[in-house]
Amino acid sequence: MAMDRKRIVNWIAAEIMPHERSVRAWLRRLKVDQDEIDDLIQEAYCNLAGLERIDHIVCPDRYFFLTARNLLNDKRRRAKVIRFEGLAEMDSLDMTSDDPSPERIISARREWEAVARVIRGLPARCRRVFELRKVHGMSQKHIAQQLNISESAVENEGVKGMRLILQALRDDTGAESPDWLQVKNDRYRNRSRH
């Protein structure tokens, strides 16, 4: 049991603590008082340290954000006197905001890191075509001229790159690719048929 506790403490230090600054910034944006932020962070650490196991936590950063949010919601619900400003702060916790949530930002960042890793693993010519087309927005004609290959080769390499990326992401996650990537792949596929 002591070994498990040490593992959890090491996990908190390595996987949770690096995200404290982001959680604090998020709470400040919600107009939470600094003392309350300190209490929430401390309580979140205590809750995390009290976990019996951590192997079910896939995204530690997201788990930290959710823990802090749940603690804030609980604290507000238990409060006997709610300031009018407090009601406005609770409204800002509504997930229907147009601004992406911290969890969504982290999720998007992870998706991008996965895609970037896959792009780096593409065959050299395929990677170069994909980067010139998708990152730099060059036309197929300009890419063909720059790489001294035919436009159909550029198109084929682009389609090949997209397929390899989608397959790698499916293999990596065991799930479908992100919606935004699937839409782009469908467009690519439709373009190559014409």
C-alpha atoms as a PDB file:
ATOM      1  CA  MET A   1       0.000   0.000   0.000  1.00  0.00           C
ATOM      2  CA  ALA A   2       2.887   2.392   0.778  1.00  0.00           C
ATOM      3  CA  MET A   3       4.257   1.770  -2.708  1.00  0.00           C
ATOM      4  CA  ASP A   4       0.887   2.707  -4.247  1.00  0.00           C
ATOM      5  CA  ARG A   5       0.790   5.904  -2.189  1.00  0.00           C
ATOM      6  CA  LYS A   6       4.308   6.798  -3.348  1.00  0.00           C
ATOM      7  CA  ARG A   7       3.277   6.106  -6.942  1.00  0.00           C
ATOM      8  CA  ILE A   8       0.285   8.427  -6.578  1.00  0.00           C
ATOM      9  CA  VAL A   9       2.420  11.183  -5.056  1.00  0.00           C
ATOM     10  CA  ASN A  10       4.952  10.859  -7.882  1.00  0.00           C
ATOM     11  CA  TRP A  11       2.113  10.899 -10.418  1.00  0.00           C
ATOM     12  CA  ILE A  12       0.721  14.116  -8.895  1.00  0.00           C
ATOM     13  CA  ALA A  13       4.153  15.723  -9.052  1.00  0.00           C
ATOM     14  CA  ALA A  14       4.761  14.690 -12.653  1.00  0.00           C
ATOM     15  CA  GLU A  15       1.294  14.816 -14.226  1.00  0.00           C
ATOM     16  CA  ILE A  16      -0.796  17.253 -12.155  1.00  0.00           C
ATOM     17  CA  MET A  17       1.428  19.960 -10.698  1.00  0.00           C
ATOM     18  CA  PRO A  18       2.684  21.214 -14.089  1.00  0.00           C
ATOM     19  CA  HIS A  19      -0.920  22.258 -14.838  1.00  0.00           C
ATOM     20  CA  GLU A  20      -1.484  24.254 -11.645  1.00  0.00           C
ATOM     21  CA  ARG A  21      -0.697  27.559 -13.364  1.00  0.00           C
ATOM     22  CA  SER A  22      -3.335  26.887 -16.051  1.00  0.00           C
ATOM     23  CA  VAL A  23      -5.973  25.938 -13.479  1.00  0.00           C
ATOM     24  CA  ARG A  24      -5.204  29.062 -11.453  1.00  0.00           C
ATOM     25  CA  ALA A  25      -5.457  31.258 -14.561  1.00  0.00           C
ATOM     26  CA  TRP A  26      -8.758  29.665 -15.473  1.00  0.00           C
ATOM     27  CA  LEU A  27     -10.140  30.276 -11.963  1.00  0.00           C
ATOM     28  CA  ARG A  28      -8.954  33.910 -12.124  1.00  0.00           C
ATOM     29  CA  ARG A  29     -10.835  34.328 -15.412  1.00  0.00           C
ATOM     30  CA  LEU A  30     -13.921  33.145 -13.535  1.00  0.00           C
ATOM     31  CA  LYS A  31     -13.288  36.011 -11.066  1.00  0.00           C
ATOM     32  CA  VAL A  32     -12.644  33.669  -8.134  1.00  0.00           C
ATOM     33  CA  ASP A  33     -10.887  35.408  -5.220  1.00  0.00           C
ATOM     34  CA  GLN A  34      -7.201  34.567  -4.789  1.00  0.00           C
ATOM     35  CA  ASP A  35      -7.742  33.070  -1.319  1.00  0.00           C
ATOM     36  CA  GLU A  36     -10.502  30.886  -2.675  1.00  0.00           C
ATOM     37  CA  ILE A  37      -8.272  29.814  -5.573  1.00  0.00           C
ATOM     38  CA  ASP A  38      -5.565  28.779  -3.110  1.00  0.00           C
ATOM     39  CA  ASP A  39      -8.117  26.774  -1.116  1.00  0.00           C
ATOM     40  CA  LEU A  40      -9.526  25.097  -4.216  1.00  0.00           C
ATOM     41  CA  ILE A  41      -6.082  24.119  -5.493  1.00  0.00           C
ATOM     42  CA  GLN A  42      -5.092  22.750  -2.082  1.00  0.00           C
ATOM     43  CA  GLU A  43      -8.346  20.812  -1.789  1.00  0.00           C
ATOM     44  CA  ALA A  44      -7.900  19.442  -5.331  1.00  0.00           C
ATOM     45  CA  TYR A  45      -4.429  18.184  -4.406  1.00  0.00           C
ATOM     46  CA  CYS A  46      -5.832  16.568  -1.254  1.00  0.00           C
ATOM     47  CA  ASN A  47      -8.584  14.852  -3.248  1.00  0.00           C
ATOM     48  CA  LEU A  48      -6.086  13.609  -5.810  1.00  0.00           C
ATOM     49  CA  ALA A  49      -3.695  12.403  -3.127  1.00  0.00           C
ATOM     50  CA  GLY A  50      -6.573  10.520  -1.514  1.00  0.00           C
ATOM     51  CA  LEU A  51      -7.323   8.490  -4.620  1.00  0.00           C
ATOM     52  CA  GLU A  52      -7.019   4.751  -4.196  1.00  0.00           C
ATOM     53  CA  ARG A  53      -5.838   4.277  -7.761  1.00  0.00           C
ATOM     54  CA  ILE A  54      -4.949   6.413 -10.783  1.00  0.00           C
ATOM     55  CA  ASP A  55      -4.775   3.927 -13.635  1.00  0.00           C
ATOM     56  CA  HIS A  56      -8.269   4.950 -14.830  1.00  0.00           C
ATOM     57  CA  ILE A  57      -7.163   8.567 -15.427  1.00  0.00           C
ATOM     58  CA  VAL A  58      -6.311   8.971 -19.099  1.00  0.00           C
ATOM     59  CA  CYS A  59      -5.865  12.771 -19.167  1.00  0.00           C
ATOM     60  CA  PRO A  60      -4.426  13.966 -15.844  1.00  0.00           C
ATOM     61  CA  ASP A  61      -4.576  17.637 -16.847  1.00  0.00           C
ATOM     62  CA  ARG A  62      -8.255  17.394 -17.705  1.00  0.00           C
ATOM     63  CA  TYR A  63      -8.912  15.470 -14.494  1.00  0.00           C
ATOM     64  CA  PHE A  64      -7.280  18.297 -12.524  1.00  0.00           C
ATOM     65  CA  PHE A  65      -9.479  20.915 -14.235  1.00  0.00           C
ATOM     66  CA  LEU A  66     -12.612  18.867 -13.596  1.00  0.00           C
ATOM     67  CA  THR A  67     -11.676  18.329  -9.965  1.00  0.00           C
ATOM     68  CA  ALA A  68     -11.200  22.079  -9.441  1.00  0.00           C
ATOM     69  CA  ARG A  69     -14.456  22.874 -11.246  1.00  0.00           C
ATOM     70  CA  ASN A  70     -16.417  20.335  -9.197  1.00  0.00           C
ATOM     71  CA  LEU A  71     -14.940  21.675  -5.958  1.00  0.00           C
ATOM     72  CA  LEU A  72     -15.886  25.225  -6.963  1.00  0.00           C
ATOM     73  CA  ASN A  73     -19.433  24.126  -7.830  1.00  0.00           C
ATOM     74  CA  ASP A  74     -19.763  22.266  -4.514  1.00  0.00           C
ATOM     75  CA  LYS A  75     -18.446  25.228  -2.558  1.00  0.00           C
ATOM     76  CA  ARG A  76     -20.900  27.592  -4.245  1.00  0.00           C
ATOM     77  CA  ARG A  77     -23.816  25.231  -3.626  1.00  0.00           C
ATOM     78  CA  ARG A  78     -22.973  24.927   0.064  1.00  0.00           C
ATOM     79  CA  ALA A  79     -22.600  28.653   0.589  1.00  0.00           C
ATOM     80  CA  LYS A  80     -25.421  29.994   2.753  1.00  0.00           C
ATOM     81  CA  VAL A  81     -25.088  33.535   1.457  1.00  0.00           C
ATOM     82  CA  ILE A  82     -24.401  34.029  -2.216  1.00  0.00           C
ATOM     83  CA  ARG A  83     -23.171  37.407  -3.362  1.00  0.00           C
ATOM     84  CA  PHE A  84     -24.744  38.754  -6.531  1.00  0.00           C
ATOM     85  CA  GLU A  85     -21.289  38.655  -8.108  1.00  0.00           C
ATOM     86  CA  GLY A  86     -21.162  34.978  -7.163  1.00  0.00           C
ATOM     87  CA  LEU A  87     -24.256  34.309  -9.231  1.00  0.00           C
ATOM     88  CA  ALA A  88     -22.603  35.902 -12.242  1.00  0.00           C
ATOM     89  CA  GLU A  89     -19.537  33.737 -11.666  1.00  0.00           C
ATOM     90  CA  MET A  90     -21.700  30.625 -11.601  1.00  0.00           C
ATOM     91  CA  ASP A  91     -23.214  31.701 -14.924  1.00  0.00           C
ATOM     92  CA  SER A  92     -19.714  31.862 -16.352  1.00  0.00           C
ATOM     93  CA  LEU A  93     -19.279  28.173 -15.467  1.00  0.00           C
ATOM     94  CA  ASP A  94     -21.989  27.364 -17.991  1.00  0.00           C
ATOM     95  CA  MET A  95     -20.489  25.104 -20.619  1.00  0.00           C
ATOM     96  CA  THR A  96     -22.528  26.698 -23.399  1.00  0.00           C
ATOM     97  CA  SER A  97     -20.043  29.559 -23.661  1.00  0.00           C
ATOM     98  CA  ASP A  98     -18.592  30.238 -27.098  1.00  0.00           C
ATOM     99  CA  ASP A  99     -15.091  30.221 -25.621  1.00  0.00           C
ATOM    100  CA  PRO A 100     -13.478  26.801 -25.612  1.00  0.00           C
ATOM    101  CA  SER A 101     -13.242  25.253 -22.169  1.00  0.00           C
ATOM    102  CA  PRO A 102      -9.820  24.474 -20.701  1.00  0.00           C
ATOM    103  CA  GLU A 103     -10.613  20.812 -21.203  1.00  0.00           C
ATOM    104  CA  ARG A 104     -11.359  21.407 -24.906  1.00  0.00           C
ATOM    105  CA  ILE A 105      -8.166  23.419 -25.337  1.00  0.00           C
ATOM    106  CA  ILE A 106      -6.125  20.613 -23.780  1.00  0.00           C
ATOM    107  CA  SER A 107      -7.926  18.007 -25.878  1.00  0.00           C
ATOM    108  CA  ALA A 108      -7.272  19.997 -29.075  1.00  0.00           C
ATOM    109  CA  ARG A 109      -3.637  20.421 -28.119  1.00  0.00           C
ATOM    110  CA  ARG A 110      -3.317  16.653 -27.622  1.00  0.00           C
ATOM    111  CA  GLU A 111      -4.992  15.993 -30.976  1.00  0.00           C
ATOM    112  CA  TRP A 112      -2.616  18.409 -32.685  1.00  0.00           C
ATOM    113  CA  GLU A 113       0.413  16.782 -31.037  1.00  0.00           C
ATOM    114  CA  ALA A 114      -0.777  13.372 -32.251  1.00  0.00           C
ATOM    115  CA  VAL A 115      -1.271  14.663 -35.808  1.00  0.00           C
ATOM    116  CA  ALA A 116       2.110  16.440 -35.815  1.00  0.00           C
ATOM    117  CA  ARG A 117       3.815  13.242 -34.628  1.00  0.00           C
ATOM    118  CA  VAL A 118       2.149  11.283 -37.441  1.00  0.00           C
ATOM    119  CA  ILE A 119       3.086  13.918 -40.048  1.00  0.00           C
ATOM    120  CA  ARG A 120       6.730  13.699 -38.959  1.00  0.00           C
ATOM    121  CA  GLY A 121       6.539   9.935 -39.561  1.00  0.00           C
ATOM    122  CA  LEU A 122       5.275  10.186 -43.155  1.00  0.00           C
ATOM    123  CA  PRO A 123       7.579   9.177 -46.020  1.00  0.00           C
ATOM    124  CA  ALA A 124       9.803  12.138 -46.985  1.00  0.00           C
ATOM    125  CA  ARG A 125       8.161  13.189 -50.268  1.00  0.00           C
ATOM    126  CA  CYS A 126       4.674  12.595 -48.915  1.00  0.00           C
ATOM    127  CA  ARG A 127       5.472  14.681 -45.798  1.00  0.00           C
ATOM    128  CA  ARG A 128       6.928  17.505 -47.905  1.00  0.00           C
ATOM    129  CA  VAL A 129       3.872  17.618 -50.197  1.00  0.00           C
ATOM    130  CA  PHE A 130       1.521  17.479 -47.225  1.00  0.00           C
ATOM    131  CA  GLU A 131       3.341  20.292 -45.391  1.00  0.00           C
ATOM    132  CA  LEU A 132       3.520  22.526 -48.470  1.00  0.00           C
ATOM    133  CA  ARG A 133      -0.165  21.948 -49.261  1.00  0.00           C
ATOM    134  CA  LYS A 134      -1.742  21.975 -45.797  1.00  0.00           C
ATOM    135  CA  VAL A 135       0.645  24.037 -43.682  1.00  0.00           C
ATOM    136  CA  HIS A 136       1.869  26.574 -46.216  1.00  0.00           C
ATOM    137  CA  GLY A 137      -1.267  26.555 -48.395  1.00  0.00           C
ATOM    138  CA  MET A 138       0.589  26.210 -51.672  1.00  0.00           C
ATOM    139  CA  SER A 139      -1.296  25.153 -54.792  1.00  0.00           C
ATOM    140  CA  GLN A 140      -0.704  21.752 -56.348  1.00  0.00           C
ATOM    141  CA  LYS A 141       0.798  23.469 -59.375  1.00  0.00           C
ATOM    142  CA  HIS A 142       3.392  25.370 -57.315  1.00  0.00           C
ATOM    143  CA  ILE A 143       4.259  22.284 -55.299  1.00  0.00           C
ATOM    144  CA  ALA A 144       4.734  20.289 -58.508  1.00  0.00           C
ATOM    145  CA  GLN A 145       7.061  22.978 -59.865  1.00  0.00           C
ATOM    146  CA  GLN A 146       9.021  23.278 -56.630  1.00  0.00           C
ATOM    147  CA  LEU A 147       9.503  19.519 -56.210  1.00  0.00           C
ATOM    148  CA  ASN A 148       9.865  18.859 -59.943  1.00  0.00           C
ATOM    149  CA  ILE A 149       7.069  16.277 -59.999  1.00  0.00           C
ATOM    150  CA  SER A 150       3.713  16.103 -61.812  1.00  0.00           C
ATOM    151  CA  GLU A 151       0.545  17.641 -60.388  1.00  0.00           C
ATOM    152  CA  SER A 152      -1.049  14.182 -60.235  1.00  0.00           C
ATOM    153  CA  ALA A 153       1.919  13.008 -58.130  1.00  0.00           C
ATOM    154  CA  VAL A 154       1.290  15.941 -55.784  1.00  0.00           C
ATOM    155  CA  GLU A 155      -2.380  15.004 -55.536  1.00  0.00           C
ATOM    156  CA  ASN A 156      -1.569  11.329 -54.972  1.00  0.00           C
ATOM    157  CA  GLU A 157       0.977  12.139 -52.272  1.00  0.00           C
ATOM    158  CA  GLY A 158      -1.552  14.438 -50.560  1.00  0.00           C
ATOM    159  CA  VAL A 159      -4.226  11.736 -50.551  1.00  0.00           C
ATOM    160  CA  LYS A 160      -1.679   9.157 -49.403  1.00  0.00           C
ATOM    161  CA  GLY A 161      -0.576  11.461 -46.572  1.00  0.00           C
ATOM    162  CA  MET A 162      -4.137  12.047 -45.415  1.00  0.00           C
ATOM    163  CA  ARG A 163      -4.907   8.315 -45.462  1.00  0.00           C
ATOM    164  CA  LEU A 164      -1.768   7.491 -43.505  1.00  0.00           C
ATOM    165  CA  ILE A 165      -2.552  10.190 -40.935  1.00  0.00           C
ATOM    166  CA  LEU A 166      -6.138   9.002 -40.491  1.00  0.00           C
ATOM    167  CA  GLN A 167      -5.045   5.383 -40.201  1.00  0.00           C
ATOM    168  CA  ALA A 168      -2.327   6.208 -37.680  1.00  0.00           C
ATOM    169  CA  LEU A 169      -4.771   8.198 -35.571  1.00  0.00           C
ATOM    170  CA  ARG A 170      -7.304   5.373 -35.672  1.00  0.00           C
ATOM    171  CA  ASP A 171      -4.607   2.870 -34.730  1.00  0.00           C
ATOM    172  CA  ASP A 172      -3.301   5.139 -31.961  1.00  0.00           C
ATOM    173  CA  THR A 173      -6.659   5.885 -30.333  1.00  0.00           C
ATOM    174  CA  GLY A 174      -8.655   2.859 -31.354  1.00  0.00           C
ATOM    175  CA  ALA A 175     -11.394   5.270 -32.364  1.00  0.00           C
ATOM    176  CA  GLU A 176     -12.517   7.303 -35.280  1.00  0.00           C
ATOM    177  CA  SER A 177     -10.439  10.298 -36.273  1.00  0.00           C
ATOM    178  CA  PRO A 178     -11.403  13.767 -35.026  1.00  0.00           C
ATOM    179  CA  ASP A 179     -14.399  15.229 -36.857  1.00  0.00           C
ATOM    180  CA  TRP A 180     -12.396  18.104 -38.340  1.00  0.00           C
ATOM    181  CA  LEU A 181      -9.862  15.709 -39.840  1.00  0.00           C
ATOM    182  CA  GLN A 182     -12.542  13.435 -41.278  1.00  0.00           C
ATOM    183  CA  VAL A 183     -14.231  16.381 -43.013  1.00  0.00           C
ATOM    184  CA  LYS A 184     -10.926  17.446 -44.599  1.00  0.00           C
ATOM    185  CA  ASN A 185     -10.261  13.880 -45.712  1.00  0.00           C
ATOM    186  CA  ASP A 186     -13.716  13.664 -47.318  1.00  0.00           C
ATOM    187  CA  ARG A 187     -13.017  16.893 -49.213  1.00  0.00           C
ATOM    188  CA  TYR A 188      -9.658  15.542 -50.352  1.00  0.00           C
ATOM    189  CA  ARG A 189     -11.259  12.305 -51.506  1.00  0.00           C
ATOM    190  CA  ASN A 190     -13.995  14.150 -53.406  1.00  0.00           C
ATOM    191  CA  ARG A 191     -11.433  16.425 -55.067  1.00  0.00           C
ATOM    192  CA  SER A 192      -9.370  13.474 -56.258  1.00  0.00           C
ATOM    193  CA  ARG A 193     -12.392  11.928 -58.002  1.00  0.00           C
ATOM    194  CA  HIS A 194     -12.889  14.946 -60.278  1.00  0.00           C
END
